[in-house]
Amino acid sequence: KPDVVFFGEAVPPQRVEHCRTLVREARTLLVLGSSLTVMSGLRFVRQAADTGTPVLIVNRDATRGDRHAVTRIALPLGAALTAAAGRLGVHVPAQAADATTEPA
Protein backbone atom coordinates (compact mmCIF):
# COMPACT_ATOMS: atom_id res chain seq x y z
CA LYS A 1 0.00 0.00 0.00
CA PRO A 2 1.37 3.47 -0.83
CA ASP A 3 2.11 5.85 2.04
CA VAL A 4 -1.18 7.72 1.66
CA VAL A 5 -4.43 7.98 3.58
CA PHE A 6 -7.39 6.95 1.47
CA PHE A 7 -10.83 8.52 1.84
CA GLY A 8 -12.54 7.05 4.89
CA GLU A 9 -9.30 6.00 6.59
CA ALA A 10 -7.97 7.57 9.77
CA VAL A 11 -4.88 9.75 9.55
CA PRO A 12 -2.13 8.29 11.77
CA PRO A 13 -1.90 10.30 15.04
CA GLN A 14 1.82 11.03 14.63
CA ARG A 15 1.16 12.56 11.19
CA VAL A 16 -1.65 14.71 12.61
CA GLU A 17 0.62 15.97 15.39
CA HIS A 18 3.41 16.74 12.88
CA CYS A 19 0.95 18.77 10.79
CA ARG A 20 -0.33 20.60 13.87
CA THR A 21 3.27 21.60 14.64
CA LEU A 22 3.77 22.86 11.08
CA VAL A 23 0.56 24.92 11.29
CA ARG A 24 1.62 26.36 14.67
CA GLU A 25 4.92 27.49 13.13
CA ALA A 26 3.41 28.84 9.89
CA ARG A 27 3.00 32.53 9.10
CA THR A 28 0.21 31.73 6.61
CA LEU A 29 -1.78 28.63 5.65
CA LEU A 30 -2.40 28.20 1.92
CA VAL A 31 -5.07 25.70 0.88
CA LEU A 32 -4.88 24.68 -2.79
CA GLY A 33 -7.64 22.83 -4.61
CA SER A 34 -9.44 21.25 -1.67
CA SER A 35 -13.11 21.41 -0.75
CA LEU A 36 -12.08 20.70 2.86
CA THR A 37 -15.00 18.29 3.00
CA VAL A 38 -13.23 15.94 5.38
CA MET A 39 -12.22 16.96 8.88
CA SER A 40 -8.63 15.83 8.34
CA GLY A 41 -7.99 19.00 6.31
CA LEU A 42 -10.49 21.35 7.90
CA ARG A 43 -9.00 20.85 11.38
CA PHE A 44 -5.78 22.58 10.28
CA VAL A 45 -7.67 25.51 8.77
CA ARG A 46 -9.56 25.94 12.04
CA GLN A 47 -6.34 25.66 14.05
CA ALA A 48 -4.67 28.37 11.98
CA ALA A 49 -7.67 30.69 12.13
CA ASP A 50 -8.11 30.19 15.88
CA THR A 51 -4.53 31.35 16.48
CA GLY A 52 -4.71 34.32 14.11
CA THR A 53 -2.69 32.74 11.30
CA PRO A 54 -4.08 34.00 7.97
CA VAL A 55 -5.71 31.32 5.81
CA LEU A 56 -5.84 31.73 2.02
CA ILE A 57 -7.92 29.30 -0.06
CA VAL A 58 -7.71 28.72 -3.82
CA ASN A 59 -10.56 26.53 -5.03
CA ARG A 60 -13.06 26.79 -7.85
CA ASP A 61 -16.05 26.07 -5.60
CA ALA A 62 -16.98 27.05 -2.06
CA THR A 63 -15.28 25.13 0.75
CA ARG A 64 -16.10 24.29 4.35
CA GLY A 65 -13.19 26.51 5.38
CA ASP A 66 -14.25 29.68 3.59
CA ARG A 67 -15.50 31.41 6.73
CA HIS A 68 -12.02 31.01 8.26
CA ALA A 69 -10.18 32.43 5.25
CA VAL A 70 -8.96 36.00 4.93
CA THR A 71 -8.97 35.48 1.16
CA ARG A 72 -10.55 32.95 -1.17
CA ILE A 73 -9.71 32.87 -4.86
CA ALA A 74 -12.58 31.27 -6.79
CA LEU A 75 -10.69 29.86 -9.77
CA PRO A 76 -9.71 26.42 -10.97
CA LEU A 77 -6.38 25.63 -9.34
CA GLY A 78 -4.45 25.32 -12.60
CA ALA A 79 -5.60 28.72 -13.82
CA ALA A 80 -4.83 30.35 -10.48
CA LEU A 81 -1.33 28.89 -10.28
CA THR A 82 -0.57 29.73 -13.91
CA ALA A 83 -1.61 33.35 -13.28
CA ALA A 84 0.47 33.48 -10.09
CA ALA A 85 3.49 32.05 -11.91
CA GLY A 86 3.11 34.68 -14.63
CA ARG A 87 3.04 37.49 -12.07
CA LEU A 88 6.20 36.07 -10.52
CA GLY A 89 7.89 35.97 -13.92
CA VAL A 90 7.94 32.17 -14.07
CA HIS A 91 7.55 30.73 -17.56
CA VAL A 92 4.81 28.10 -17.83
CA PRO A 93 5.19 25.83 -20.89
CA ALA A 94 2.24 26.05 -23.31
CA GLN A 95 1.33 22.40 -22.77
CA ALA A 96 1.02 22.95 -19.01
CA ALA A 97 -0.91 26.20 -19.50
CA ASP A 98 -3.36 24.42 -21.82
CA ALA A 99 -4.12 21.94 -19.03
CA THR A 100 -5.47 24.76 -16.84
CA THR A 101 -8.58 25.35 -18.90
CA GLU A 102 -11.92 23.78 -18.15
CA PRO A 103 -12.96 20.81 -20.30
CA ALA A 104 -15.38 21.67 -23.12
PDB file of N, CA and C in Angstrom:
ATOM      1  N   LYS A   1       0.855  -1.190   0.000  1.00  0.00           N
ATOM      2  CA  LYS A   1       0.000   0.000   0.000  1.00  0.00           C
ATOM      3  C   LYS A   1       0.890   1.238   0.000  1.00  0.00           C
ATOM      4  N   PRO A   2       0.579   2.225  -0.842  1.00  0.00           N
ATOM      5  CA  PRO A   2       1.373   3.466  -0.833  1.00  0.00           C
ATOM      6  C   PRO A   2       1.195   4.205   0.488  1.00  0.00           C
ATOM      7  N   ASP A   3       2.131   5.091   0.780  1.00  0.00           N
ATOM      8  CA  ASP A   3       2.106   5.848   2.036  1.00  0.00           C
ATOM      9  C   ASP A   3       1.152   7.035   1.903  1.00  0.00           C
ATOM     10  N   VAL A   4      -0.127   6.716   1.780  1.00  0.00           N
ATOM     11  CA  VAL A   4      -1.178   7.723   1.665  1.00  0.00           C
ATOM     12  C   VAL A   4      -2.336   7.322   2.573  1.00  0.00           C
ATOM     13  N   VAL A   5      -3.216   8.261   2.821  1.00  0.00           N
ATOM     14  CA  VAL A   5      -4.434   7.979   3.577  1.00  0.00           C
ATOM     15  C   VAL A   5      -5.590   8.069   2.589  1.00  0.00           C
ATOM     16  N   PHE A   6      -6.261   6.967   2.387  1.00  0.00           N
ATOM     17  CA  PHE A   6      -7.388   6.946   1.467  1.00  0.00           C
ATOM     18  C   PHE A   6      -8.637   7.511   2.140  1.00  0.00           C
ATOM     19  N   PHE A   7      -9.576   7.978   1.319  1.00  0.00           N
ATOM     20  CA  PHE A   7     -10.832   8.518   1.837  1.00  0.00           C
ATOM     21  C   PHE A   7     -11.479   7.487   2.761  1.00  0.00           C
ATOM     22  N   GLY A   8     -11.893   7.937   3.929  1.00  0.00           N
ATOM     23  CA  GLY A   8     -12.535   7.049   4.892  1.00  0.00           C
ATOM     24  C   GLY A   8     -11.583   6.447   5.905  1.00  0.00           C
ATOM     25  N   GLU A   9     -10.282   6.525   5.647  1.00  0.00           N
ATOM     26  CA  GLU A   9      -9.296   6.002   6.590  1.00  0.00           C
ATOM     27  C   GLU A   9      -8.916   7.083   7.598  1.00  0.00           C
ATOM     28  N   ALA A  10      -8.444   6.635   8.748  1.00  0.00           N
ATOM     29  CA  ALA A  10      -7.970   7.566   9.775  1.00  0.00           C
ATOM     30  C   ALA A  10      -6.536   7.985   9.470  1.00  0.00           C
ATOM     31  N   VAL A  11      -6.251   9.249   9.696  1.00  0.00           N
ATOM     32  CA  VAL A  11      -4.883   9.750   9.551  1.00  0.00           C
ATOM     33  C   VAL A  11      -4.107   9.308  10.790  1.00  0.00           C
ATOM     34  N   PRO A  12      -2.911   8.729  10.608  1.00  0.00           N
ATOM     35  CA  PRO A  12      -2.125   8.290  11.768  1.00  0.00           C
ATOM     36  C   PRO A  12      -1.877   9.454  12.736  1.00  0.00           C
ATOM     37  N   PRO A  13      -2.042   9.218  14.041  1.00  0.00           N
ATOM     38  CA  PRO A  13      -1.899  10.298  15.038  1.00  0.00           C
ATOM     39  C   PRO A  13      -0.573  11.047  14.960  1.00  0.00           C
ATOM     40  N   GLN A  14       0.528  10.340  14.691  1.00  0.00           N
ATOM     41  CA  GLN A  14       1.818  11.030  14.627  1.00  0.00           C
ATOM     42  C   GLN A  14       1.885  11.982  13.431  1.00  0.00           C
ATOM     43  N   ARG A  15       1.195  11.659  12.354  1.00  0.00           N
ATOM     44  CA  ARG A  15       1.160  12.555  11.194  1.00  0.00           C
ATOM     45  C   ARG A  15       0.313  13.789  11.509  1.00  0.00           C
ATOM     46  N   VAL A  16      -0.803  13.586  12.208  1.00  0.00           N
ATOM     47  CA  VAL A  16      -1.651  14.714  12.608  1.00  0.00           C
ATOM     48  C   VAL A  16      -0.860  15.664  13.497  1.00  0.00           C
ATOM     49  N   GLU A  17      -0.145  15.122  14.470  1.00  0.00           N
ATOM     50  CA  GLU A  17       0.624  15.972  15.385  1.00  0.00           C
ATOM     51  C   GLU A  17       1.726  16.731  14.644  1.00  0.00           C
ATOM     52  N   HIS A  18       2.378  16.062  13.688  1.00  0.00           N
ATOM     53  CA  HIS A  18       3.408  16.737  12.885  1.00  0.00           C
ATOM     54  C   HIS A  18       2.791  17.914  12.113  1.00  0.00           C
ATOM     55  N   CYS A  19       1.624  17.691  11.528  1.00  0.00           N
ATOM     56  CA  CYS A  19       0.953  18.766  10.787  1.00  0.00           C
ATOM     57  C   CYS A  19       0.526  19.897  11.710  1.00  0.00           C
ATOM     58  N   ARG A  20       0.052  19.556  12.898  1.00  0.00           N
ATOM     59  CA  ARG A  20      -0.326  20.598  13.867  1.00  0.00           C
ATOM     60  C   ARG A  20       0.886  21.472  14.208  1.00  0.00           C
ATOM     61  N   THR A  21       2.039  20.847  14.357  1.00  0.00           N
ATOM     62  CA  THR A  21       3.267  21.597  14.640  1.00  0.00           C
ATOM     63  C   THR A  21       3.595  22.531  13.478  1.00  0.00           C
ATOM     64  N   LEU A  22       3.496  22.025  12.253  1.00  0.00           N
ATOM     65  CA  LEU A  22       3.773  22.863  11.082  1.00  0.00           C
ATOM     66  C   LEU A  22       2.816  24.050  11.013  1.00  0.00           C
ATOM     67  N   VAL A  23       1.542  23.826  11.308  1.00  0.00           N
ATOM     68  CA  VAL A  23       0.561  24.916  11.289  1.00  0.00           C
ATOM     69  C   VAL A  23       0.877  25.927  12.386  1.00  0.00           C
ATOM     70  N   ARG A  24       1.264  25.443  13.570  1.00  0.00           N
ATOM     71  CA  ARG A  24       1.625  26.356  14.671  1.00  0.00           C
ATOM     72  C   ARG A  24       2.784  27.264  14.284  1.00  0.00           C
ATOM     73  N   GLU A  25       3.723  26.742  13.497  1.00  0.00           N
ATOM     74  CA  GLU A  25       4.924  27.494  13.126  1.00  0.00           C
ATOM     75  C   GLU A  25       4.740  28.340  11.865  1.00  0.00           C
ATOM     76  N   ALA A  26       3.625  28.159  11.170  1.00  0.00           N
ATOM     77  CA  ALA A  26       3.409  28.837   9.886  1.00  0.00           C
ATOM     78  C   ALA A  26       3.024  30.300  10.073  1.00  0.00           C
ATOM     79  N   ARG A  27       3.443  31.127   9.122  1.00  0.00           N
ATOM     80  CA  ARG A  27       3.001  32.526   9.096  1.00  0.00           C
ATOM     81  C   ARG A  27       1.685  32.663   8.349  1.00  0.00           C
ATOM     82  N   THR A  28       1.425  31.744   7.417  1.00  0.00           N
ATOM     83  CA  THR A  28       0.209  31.731   6.609  1.00  0.00           C
ATOM     84  C   THR A  28      -0.096  30.284   6.248  1.00  0.00           C
ATOM     85  N   LEU A  29      -1.381  29.956   6.114  1.00  0.00           N
ATOM     86  CA  LEU A  29      -1.779  28.627   5.648  1.00  0.00           C
ATOM     87  C   LEU A  29      -2.440  28.795   4.292  1.00  0.00           C
ATOM     88  N   LEU A  30      -1.893  28.130   3.287  1.00  0.00           N
ATOM     89  CA  LEU A  30      -2.397  28.202   1.923  1.00  0.00           C
ATOM     90  C   LEU A  30      -3.039  26.866   1.574  1.00  0.00           C
ATOM     91  N   VAL A  31      -4.327  26.897   1.248  1.00  0.00           N
ATOM     92  CA  VAL A  31      -5.074  25.696   0.878  1.00  0.00           C
ATOM     93  C   VAL A  31      -5.274  25.740  -0.631  1.00  0.00           C
ATOM     94  N   LEU A  32      -4.811  24.704  -1.327  1.00  0.00           N
ATOM     95  CA  LEU A  32      -4.876  24.678  -2.785  1.00  0.00           C
ATOM     96  C   LEU A  32      -5.732  23.517  -3.277  1.00  0.00           C
ATOM     97  N   GLY A  33      -6.837  23.836  -3.940  1.00  0.00           N
ATOM     98  CA  GLY A  33      -7.635  22.826  -4.613  1.00  0.00           C
ATOM     99  C   GLY A  33      -8.273  21.786  -3.716  1.00  0.00           C
ATOM    100  N   SER A  34      -8.762  22.186  -2.573  1.00  0.00           N
ATOM    101  CA  SER A  34      -9.439  21.254  -1.669  1.00  0.00           C
ATOM    102  C   SER A  34     -10.783  21.831  -1.249  1.00  0.00           C
ATOM    103  N   SER A  35     -11.793  20.978  -1.233  1.00  0.00           N
ATOM    104  CA  SER A  35     -13.109  21.406  -0.750  1.00  0.00           C
ATOM    105  C   SER A  35     -13.158  21.415   0.770  1.00  0.00           C
ATOM    106  N   LEU A  36     -12.144  20.830   1.401  1.00  0.00           N
ATOM    107  CA  LEU A  36     -12.084  20.704   2.864  1.00  0.00           C
ATOM    108  C   LEU A  36     -13.315  19.976   3.399  1.00  0.00           C
ATOM    109  N   THR A  37     -13.816  19.053   2.614  1.00  0.00           N
ATOM    110  CA  THR A  37     -14.998  18.289   3.000  1.00  0.00           C
ATOM    111  C   THR A  37     -14.727  17.408   4.205  1.00  0.00           C
ATOM    112  N   VAL A  38     -13.541  16.840   4.265  1.00  0.00           N
ATOM    113  CA  VAL A  38     -13.227  15.943   5.382  1.00  0.00           C
ATOM    114  C   VAL A  38     -12.529  16.714   6.497  1.00  0.00           C
ATOM    115  N   MET A  39     -12.760  16.275   7.709  1.00  0.00           N
ATOM    116  CA  MET A  39     -12.221  16.959   8.883  1.00  0.00           C
ATOM    117  C   MET A  39     -10.700  16.930   8.905  1.00  0.00           C
ATOM    118  N   SER A  40     -10.091  15.921   8.277  1.00  0.00           N
ATOM    119  CA  SER A  40      -8.630  15.826   8.335  1.00  0.00           C
ATOM    120  C   SER A  40      -7.952  17.069   7.774  1.00  0.00           C
ATOM    121  N   GLY A  41      -8.549  17.746   6.821  1.00  0.00           N
ATOM    122  CA  GLY A  41      -7.990  18.995   6.311  1.00  0.00           C
ATOM    123  C   GLY A  41      -8.546  20.220   7.014  1.00  0.00           C
ATOM    124  N   LEU A  42      -9.832  20.197   7.281  1.00  0.00           N
ATOM    125  CA  LEU A  42     -10.489  21.346   7.901  1.00  0.00           C
ATOM    126  C   LEU A  42      -9.933  21.648   9.282  1.00  0.00           C
ATOM    127  N   ARG A  43      -9.508  20.615  10.014  1.00  0.00           N
ATOM    128  CA  ARG A  43      -8.998  20.852  11.378  1.00  0.00           C
ATOM    129  C   ARG A  43      -7.798  21.795  11.377  1.00  0.00           C
ATOM    130  N   PHE A  44      -6.964  21.722  10.335  1.00  0.00           N
ATOM    131  CA  PHE A  44      -5.778  22.582  10.285  1.00  0.00           C
ATOM    132  C   PHE A  44      -6.156  24.021   9.926  1.00  0.00           C
ATOM    133  N   VAL A  45      -7.165  24.175   9.088  1.00  0.00           N
ATOM    134  CA  VAL A  45      -7.667  25.513   8.771  1.00  0.00           C
ATOM    135  C   VAL A  45      -8.218  26.163  10.037  1.00  0.00           C
ATOM    136  N   ARG A  46      -9.000  25.408  10.789  1.00  0.00           N
ATOM    137  CA  ARG A  46      -9.558  25.939  12.042  1.00  0.00           C
ATOM    138  C   ARG A  46      -8.456  26.282  13.033  1.00  0.00           C
ATOM    139  N   GLN A  47      -7.459  25.408  13.136  1.00  0.00           N
ATOM    140  CA  GLN A  47      -6.343  25.660  14.054  1.00  0.00           C
ATOM    141  C   GLN A  47      -5.652  26.966  13.695  1.00  0.00           C
ATOM    142  N   ALA A  48      -5.357  27.147  12.413  1.00  0.00           N
ATOM    143  CA  ALA A  48      -4.673  28.369  11.980  1.00  0.00           C
ATOM    144  C   ALA A  48      -5.528  29.596  12.290  1.00  0.00           C
ATOM    145  N   ALA A  49      -6.790  29.544  11.915  1.00  0.00           N
ATOM    146  CA  ALA A  49      -7.672  30.695  12.129  1.00  0.00           C
ATOM    147  C   ALA A  49      -7.831  31.010  13.612  1.00  0.00           C
ATOM    148  N   ASP A  50      -7.931  29.977  14.436  1.00  0.00           N
ATOM    149  CA  ASP A  50      -8.109  30.189  15.880  1.00  0.00           C
ATOM    150  C   ASP A  50      -6.905  30.870  16.526  1.00  0.00           C
ATOM    151  N   THR A  51      -5.737  30.733  15.913  1.00  0.00           N
ATOM    152  CA  THR A  51      -4.529  31.349  16.478  1.00  0.00           C
ATOM    153  C   THR A  51      -4.136  32.632  15.747  1.00  0.00           C
ATOM    154  N   GLY A  52      -4.988  33.078  14.820  1.00  0.00           N
ATOM    155  CA  GLY A  52      -4.713  34.322  14.113  1.00  0.00           C
ATOM    156  C   GLY A  52      -3.813  34.183  12.903  1.00  0.00           C
ATOM    157  N   THR A  53      -3.503  32.954  12.502  1.00  0.00           N
ATOM    158  CA  THR A  53      -2.695  32.745  11.300  1.00  0.00           C
ATOM    159  C   THR A  53      -3.595  32.917  10.081  1.00  0.00           C
ATOM    160  N   PRO A  54      -3.238  33.793   9.147  1.00  0.00           N
ATOM    161  CA  PRO A  54      -4.082  34.000   7.970  1.00  0.00           C
ATOM    162  C   PRO A  54      -4.209  32.725   7.138  1.00  0.00           C
ATOM    163  N   VAL A  55      -5.422  32.470   6.668  1.00  0.00           N
ATOM    164  CA  VAL A  55      -5.714  31.324   5.808  1.00  0.00           C
ATOM    165  C   VAL A  55      -6.131  31.856   4.445  1.00  0.00           C
ATOM    166  N   LEU A  56      -5.485  31.375   3.392  1.00  0.00           N
ATOM    167  CA  LEU A  56      -5.841  31.725   2.021  1.00  0.00           C
ATOM    168  C   LEU A  56      -6.263  30.445   1.320  1.00  0.00           C
ATOM    169  N   ILE A  57      -7.392  30.484   0.614  1.00  0.00           N
ATOM    170  CA  ILE A  57      -7.921  29.300  -0.057  1.00  0.00           C
ATOM    171  C   ILE A  57      -8.047  29.585  -1.546  1.00  0.00           C
ATOM    172  N   VAL A  58      -7.527  28.668  -2.371  1.00  0.00           N
ATOM    173  CA  VAL A  58      -7.706  28.722  -3.817  1.00  0.00           C
ATOM    174  C   VAL A  58      -8.486  27.466  -4.197  1.00  0.00           C
ATOM    175  N   ASN A  59      -9.718  27.654  -4.636  1.00  0.00           N
ATOM    176  CA  ASN A  59     -10.562  26.529  -5.034  1.00  0.00           C
ATOM    177  C   ASN A  59     -11.687  27.068  -5.902  1.00  0.00           C
ATOM    178  N   ARG A  60     -12.022  26.338  -6.924  1.00  0.00           N
ATOM    179  CA  ARG A  60     -13.063  26.787  -7.853  1.00  0.00           C
ATOM    180  C   ARG A  60     -14.409  26.971  -7.149  1.00  0.00           C
ATOM    181  N   ASP A  61     -14.750  26.038  -6.280  1.00  0.00           N
ATOM    182  CA  ASP A  61     -16.047  26.074  -5.603  1.00  0.00           C
ATOM    183  C   ASP A  61     -15.882  26.462  -4.142  1.00  0.00           C
ATOM    184  N   ALA A  62     -16.992  26.728  -3.490  1.00  0.00           N
ATOM    185  CA  ALA A  62     -16.985  27.050  -2.062  1.00  0.00           C
ATOM    186  C   ALA A  62     -16.420  25.872  -1.268  1.00  0.00           C
ATOM    187  N   THR A  63     -15.842  26.170  -0.104  1.00  0.00           N
ATOM    188  CA  THR A  63     -15.283  25.129   0.753  1.00  0.00           C
ATOM    189  C   THR A  63     -15.842  25.278   2.165  1.00  0.00           C
ATOM    190  N   ARG A  64     -15.670  24.232   2.953  1.00  0.00           N
ATOM    191  CA  ARG A  64     -16.101  24.287   4.353  1.00  0.00           C
ATOM    192  C   ARG A  64     -15.241  25.249   5.167  1.00  0.00           C
ATOM    193  N   GLY A  65     -14.086  25.622   4.649  1.00  0.00           N
ATOM    194  CA  GLY A  65     -13.194  26.506   5.384  1.00  0.00           C
ATOM    195  C   GLY A  65     -13.300  27.970   5.011  1.00  0.00           C
ATOM    196  N   ASP A  66     -14.183  28.300   4.088  1.00  0.00           N
ATOM    197  CA  ASP A  66     -14.252  29.678   3.586  1.00  0.00           C
ATOM    198  C   ASP A  66     -14.446  30.717   4.686  1.00  0.00           C
ATOM    199  N   ARG A  67     -15.239  30.404   5.681  1.00  0.00           N
ATOM    200  CA  ARG A  67     -15.498  31.411   6.730  1.00  0.00           C
ATOM    201  C   ARG A  67     -14.265  31.687   7.580  1.00  0.00           C
ATOM    202  N   HIS A  68     -13.262  30.816   7.505  1.00  0.00           N
ATOM    203  CA  HIS A  68     -12.023  31.007   8.262  1.00  0.00           C
ATOM    204  C   HIS A  68     -10.948  31.723   7.439  1.00  0.00           C
ATOM    205  N   ALA A  69     -11.196  31.884   6.150  1.00  0.00           N
ATOM    206  CA  ALA A  69     -10.180  32.430   5.249  1.00  0.00           C
ATOM    207  C   ALA A  69     -10.215  33.952   5.217  1.00  0.00           C
ATOM    208  N   VAL A  70      -9.035  34.558   5.152  1.00  0.00           N
ATOM    209  CA  VAL A  70      -8.962  36.000   4.934  1.00  0.00           C
ATOM    210  C   VAL A  70      -9.142  36.307   3.456  1.00  0.00           C
ATOM    211  N   THR A  71      -8.816  35.337   2.605  1.00  0.00           N
ATOM    212  CA  THR A  71      -8.971  35.484   1.158  1.00  0.00           C
ATOM    213  C   THR A  71      -9.319  34.132   0.558  1.00  0.00           C
ATOM    214  N   ARG A  72     -10.253  34.154  -0.395  1.00  0.00           N
ATOM    215  CA  ARG A  72     -10.545  32.953  -1.175  1.00  0.00           C
ATOM    216  C   ARG A  72     -10.544  33.346  -2.638  1.00  0.00           C
ATOM    217  N   ILE A  73      -9.781  32.624  -3.425  1.00  0.00           N
ATOM    218  CA  ILE A  73      -9.713  32.867  -4.862  1.00  0.00           C
ATOM    219  C   ILE A  73     -10.545  31.790  -5.539  1.00  0.00           C
ATOM    220  N   ALA A  74     -11.633  32.203  -6.184  1.00  0.00           N
ATOM    221  CA  ALA A  74     -12.581  31.272  -6.792  1.00  0.00           C
ATOM    222  C   ALA A  74     -12.215  31.016  -8.252  1.00  0.00           C
ATOM    223  N   LEU A  75     -11.153  30.244  -8.438  1.00  0.00           N
ATOM    224  CA  LEU A  75     -10.688  29.863  -9.771  1.00  0.00           C
ATOM    225  C   LEU A  75     -10.294  28.395  -9.749  1.00  0.00           C
ATOM    226  N   PRO A  76     -10.310  27.745 -10.919  1.00  0.00           N
ATOM    227  CA  PRO A  76      -9.706  26.415 -10.969  1.00  0.00           C
ATOM    228  C   PRO A  76      -8.235  26.535 -10.568  1.00  0.00           C
ATOM    229  N   LEU A  77      -7.733  25.555  -9.879  1.00  0.00           N
ATOM    230  CA  LEU A  77      -6.376  25.628  -9.343  1.00  0.00           C
ATOM    231  C   LEU A  77      -5.331  25.863 -10.428  1.00  0.00           C
ATOM    232  N   GLY A  78      -5.435  25.157 -11.534  1.00  0.00           N
ATOM    233  CA  GLY A  78      -4.448  25.315 -12.599  1.00  0.00           C
ATOM    234  C   GLY A  78      -4.395  26.738 -13.124  1.00  0.00           C
ATOM    235  N   ALA A  79      -5.557  27.337 -13.329  1.00  0.00           N
ATOM    236  CA  ALA A  79      -5.605  28.719 -13.821  1.00  0.00           C
ATOM    237  C   ALA A  79      -5.017  29.680 -12.797  1.00  0.00           C
ATOM    238  N   ALA A  80      -5.342  29.463 -11.530  1.00  0.00           N
ATOM    239  CA  ALA A  80      -4.831  30.353 -10.479  1.00  0.00           C
ATOM    240  C   ALA A  80      -3.316  30.262 -10.371  1.00  0.00           C
ATOM    241  N   LEU A  81      -2.780  29.050 -10.409  1.00  0.00           N
ATOM    242  CA  LEU A  81      -1.327  28.889 -10.280  1.00  0.00           C
ATOM    243  C   LEU A  81      -0.591  29.390 -11.516  1.00  0.00           C
ATOM    244  N   THR A  82      -1.189  29.206 -12.689  1.00  0.00           N
ATOM    245  CA  THR A  82      -0.571  29.729 -13.910  1.00  0.00           C
ATOM    246  C   THR A  82      -0.513  31.252 -13.861  1.00  0.00           C
ATOM    247  N   ALA A  83      -1.591  31.886 -13.409  1.00  0.00           N
ATOM    248  CA  ALA A  83      -1.607  33.348 -13.281  1.00  0.00           C
ATOM    249  C   ALA A  83      -0.585  33.813 -12.254  1.00  0.00           C
ATOM    250  N   ALA A  84      -0.501  33.113 -11.126  1.00  0.00           N
ATOM    251  CA  ALA A  84       0.475  33.484 -10.091  1.00  0.00           C
ATOM    252  C   ALA A  84       1.896  33.333 -10.618  1.00  0.00           C
ATOM    253  N   ALA A  85       2.157  32.257 -11.340  1.00  0.00           N
ATOM    254  CA  ALA A  85       3.492  32.051 -11.909  1.00  0.00           C
ATOM    255  C   ALA A  85       3.836  33.180 -12.873  1.00  0.00           C
ATOM    256  N   GLY A  86       2.878  33.585 -13.691  1.00  0.00           N
ATOM    257  CA  GLY A  86       3.106  34.679 -14.628  1.00  0.00           C
ATOM    258  C   GLY A  86       3.455  35.976 -13.921  1.00  0.00           C
ATOM    259  N   ARG A  87       2.750  36.257 -12.823  1.00  0.00           N
ATOM    260  CA  ARG A  87       3.040  37.487 -12.066  1.00  0.00           C
ATOM    261  C   ARG A  87       4.414  37.443 -11.414  1.00  0.00           C
ATOM    262  N   LEU A  88       4.876  36.228 -11.122  1.00  0.00           N
ATOM    263  CA  LEU A  88       6.202  36.074 -10.522  1.00  0.00           C
ATOM    264  C   LEU A  88       7.303  35.978 -11.573  1.00  0.00           C
ATOM    265  N   GLY A  89       6.911  36.036 -12.846  1.00  0.00           N
ATOM    266  CA  GLY A  89       7.888  35.969 -13.920  1.00  0.00           C
ATOM    267  C   GLY A  89       8.358  34.561 -14.231  1.00  0.00           C
ATOM    268  N   VAL A  90       7.583  33.568 -13.811  1.00  0.00           N
ATOM    269  CA  VAL A  90       7.938  32.170 -14.068  1.00  0.00           C
ATOM    270  C   VAL A  90       7.280  31.743 -15.369  1.00  0.00           C
ATOM    271  N   HIS A  91       8.075  31.189 -16.276  1.00  0.00           N
ATOM    272  CA  HIS A  91       7.549  30.733 -17.560  1.00  0.00           C
ATOM    273  C   HIS A  91       6.816  29.410 -17.373  1.00  0.00           C
ATOM    274  N   VAL A  92       5.586  29.337 -17.866  1.00  0.00           N
ATOM    275  CA  VAL A  92       4.807  28.100 -17.835  1.00  0.00           C
ATOM    276  C   VAL A  92       4.731  27.586 -19.265  1.00  0.00           C
ATOM    277  N   PRO A  93       5.243  26.373 -19.532  1.00  0.00           N
ATOM    278  CA  PRO A  93       5.188  25.828 -20.893  1.00  0.00           C
ATOM    279  C   PRO A  93       3.751  25.786 -21.409  1.00  0.00           C
ATOM    280  N   ALA A  94       3.575  25.993 -22.709  1.00  0.00           N
ATOM    281  CA  ALA A  94       2.240  26.053 -23.309  1.00  0.00           C
ATOM    282  C   ALA A  94       1.430  24.806 -23.000  1.00  0.00           C
ATOM    283  N   GLN A  95       2.053  23.650 -23.040  1.00  0.00           N
ATOM    284  CA  GLN A  95       1.331  22.404 -22.774  1.00  0.00           C
ATOM    285  C   GLN A  95       0.749  22.412 -21.359  1.00  0.00           C
ATOM    286  N   ALA A  96       1.504  22.882 -20.393  1.00  0.00           N
ATOM    287  CA  ALA A  96       1.015  22.953 -19.014  1.00  0.00           C
ATOM    288  C   ALA A  96      -0.072  24.008 -18.894  1.00  0.00           C
ATOM    289  N   ALA A  97       0.092  25.134 -19.561  1.00  0.00           N
ATOM    290  CA  ALA A  97      -0.910  26.196 -19.503  1.00  0.00           C
ATOM    291  C   ALA A  97      -2.223  25.726 -20.116  1.00  0.00           C
ATOM    292  N   ASP A  98      -2.152  24.933 -21.193  1.00  0.00           N
ATOM    293  CA  ASP A  98      -3.364  24.417 -21.820  1.00  0.00           C
ATOM    294  C   ASP A  98      -4.141  23.515 -20.872  1.00  0.00           C
ATOM    295  N   ALA A  99      -3.465  22.859 -19.964  1.00  0.00           N
ATOM    296  CA  ALA A  99      -4.120  21.940 -19.026  1.00  0.00           C
ATOM    297  C   ALA A  99      -4.903  22.679 -17.950  1.00  0.00           C
ATOM    298  N   THR A 100      -4.784  24.001 -17.892  1.00  0.00           N
ATOM    299  CA  THR A 100      -5.469  24.760 -16.840  1.00  0.00           C
ATOM    300  C   THR A 100      -6.874  25.172 -17.241  1.00  0.00           C
ATOM    301  N   THR A 101      -7.252  24.938 -18.475  1.00  0.00           N
ATOM    302  CA  THR A 101      -8.582  25.355 -18.903  1.00  0.00           C
ATOM    303  C   THR A 101      -9.602  24.282 -18.563  1.00  0.00           C
ATOM    304  N   GLU A 102     -10.831  24.702 -18.455  1.00  0.00           N
ATOM    305  CA  GLU A 102     -11.924  23.777 -18.151  1.00  0.00           C
ATOM    306  C   GLU A 102     -12.213  22.913 -19.373  1.00  0.00           C
ATOM    307  N   PRO A 103     -12.594  21.653 -19.158  1.00  0.00           N
ATOM    308  CA  PRO A 103     -12.962  20.809 -20.298  1.00  0.00           C
ATOM    309  C   PRO A 103     -14.191  21.370 -21.017  1.00  0.00           C
ATOM    310  N   ALA A 104     -14.247  21.160 -22.324  1.00  0.00           N
ATOM    311  CA  ALA A 104     -15.377  21.674 -23.124  1.00  0.00           C
ATOM    312  C   ALA A 104     -16.619  20.839 -22.918  1.00  0.00           C
TER     313      ALA A 104
END
